[in-house]
Amino acid sequence: MSDLLRALDIARRALHAQQSVLNTTSNNIANANTEGYSRQRVNLSTSSPQWSPYGLIGTGVNVDSIERIRDVFVDRQIINERQSFKQYEFKSDALQFIEEIFNEPSDMGLSQMLKEFFAAFHDLANDPDSTAARTVVRERAMMLSSGFKRLDRQLNDYRTHLNYELQSQVDEVNRIAGEIAHLNEKIVQSEVNGLETPTLRDSRDRLVDQLSGLVNIQSNENEFGAVSVSVGGRFLVVETSAMKLSTNVSSLNGPGPQVVWEQDGEAANITNGQMKGILDIRDNNITSYLDQVNQFAVSLADSVNNLHRSGYNLNGDTNVDFFKSGITGAADFDLSADVQGDVKLIATADATGEPGNNGIALAIAGLEDAAVMEDGQRSFDDFYSSLISTLGAHTQEAAFLKDSFELTVNKLEFTRESISGVSLDEEMTNLIEAQQAYTAAARLVTTIDEMMQTVLDMV
């Protein structure tokens, strides 16, 4: 009778084991399309045999664990490559947006406005006494002023938008860090008590993936199952505790807030991810483009004014500015109040008392091709064209690197999916095998029950 009881216990273990396999397989199938889900596997082992007068006799099967299928090496590669992909994805989109701000080449671009401005002075040189030609010069100058101001306003507006985006990214990093720390606590508590936590680990891995897209991170798991995350060599998450990032204006003349650690205000070492893309575009690209546009505006205003002040207008007056004096950049680029009020005050002659004299008008028109920028190295058009070409090169470089890193991330994610993803064909095979094993174990229970009944009937 004891042998039958032992056999019944073996059958019970078999039913329990195959039921675990069926449950796990069902869960895999149910989550076949769930993002971030890692397929699970029941690890079975032979239970310890027992001695008998005839030697060792097996005692059935044990369910050792329910394992989450994951490749740590692939996960780390994805984290590393996603940081770069997200950085250049942001840069590519941002630089394309900046190209739209400059709007070159087009009829509404600053380059075309500059050509029309100098063309208007050429026309005025052909007819220096013409009020109509003078009005066209003033209108073209006003359009040029609007073009400079529009560039300055839109670039600064975009920089302000990036400041808000940076704060949003900082808040998101802090939120994710807090959730990772909370999941660390739940995972450690559960696993210390012998419970499996595949779902919690999947949730935590998804958060780490999201975090890697925002900022440069490194993550490591300790022997208790808690993950620590560092940013630029400093811990953001340590087991169940989460530090916080913040923003701080380091300089009144700076491009915007900098990312610091909330605890002590120390600058955070941001070297990758979307946050790095934001900082680079804001601090390097936009600042550089604005500096060049401002330099362009100041040089153009000074060059035209220097000639215009030396000339004579229809009233015989001299030393009149064409553009406003003291222009510091694109933001305050404007005509002088005198020229705005009366086109007769536009100087065209290089000598007084000569109504048909067009020396100054020709000289100003000649500035179009004169090498006056960068210590006489470039003309206005060359300087501005170089700026646009540099912007285009930056955009192409960012797009190329984005595509390159995206291809690498996609390959790695495909590799991870082949390891951790659910294959319905494989799960159906597992389901059939578990079903047949369960049916056999159930049949074993029935057989043992019949045998026990036979023994009882004999008593």
Foldseek 3Di string as FASTA:
>chain_A
DVVLVLLLQQLVQLLVQLVVLLVLLVVQVVCQPPPLAFRKDWDKDFDAFDQDPVGTDTRHMDGPDIDGFFDVVLLQVLLVLLFALLLLVLLLVVLVVLLVQQPPPDCLHLLVLVLQLLVLLVVCLVPVVDPVSLVSNQVSLASNLVNLQSNVVVLLVVLVVLQVVLQVLQVLLQVLLLLLLVLLVVQLVQVVVVHDDSVSVSVNSVSSSVNSQAFPWDWDADPSGRIWIDGQPHTQHDRNDGWGKHWDDPDPPALHTFIATPVPRHGTDTDTHNSVSSCCCRRPVSVVLQVLQFLLLVLLQVVLQVLQQQFAFQVRDHHDGQWDPPRRGSNRTGGDPVCVVGSRRGGQANDGPDSSHRVSSVVSSVLQAFQRPPPSPGGSSVSVVVSSVVSVVSSVVSVVSSVVSVVVSVVSVVVRCVRGRRDPVVSVVSNVVSVVSSVVSVVSSVVSVVVVVVVVVVD
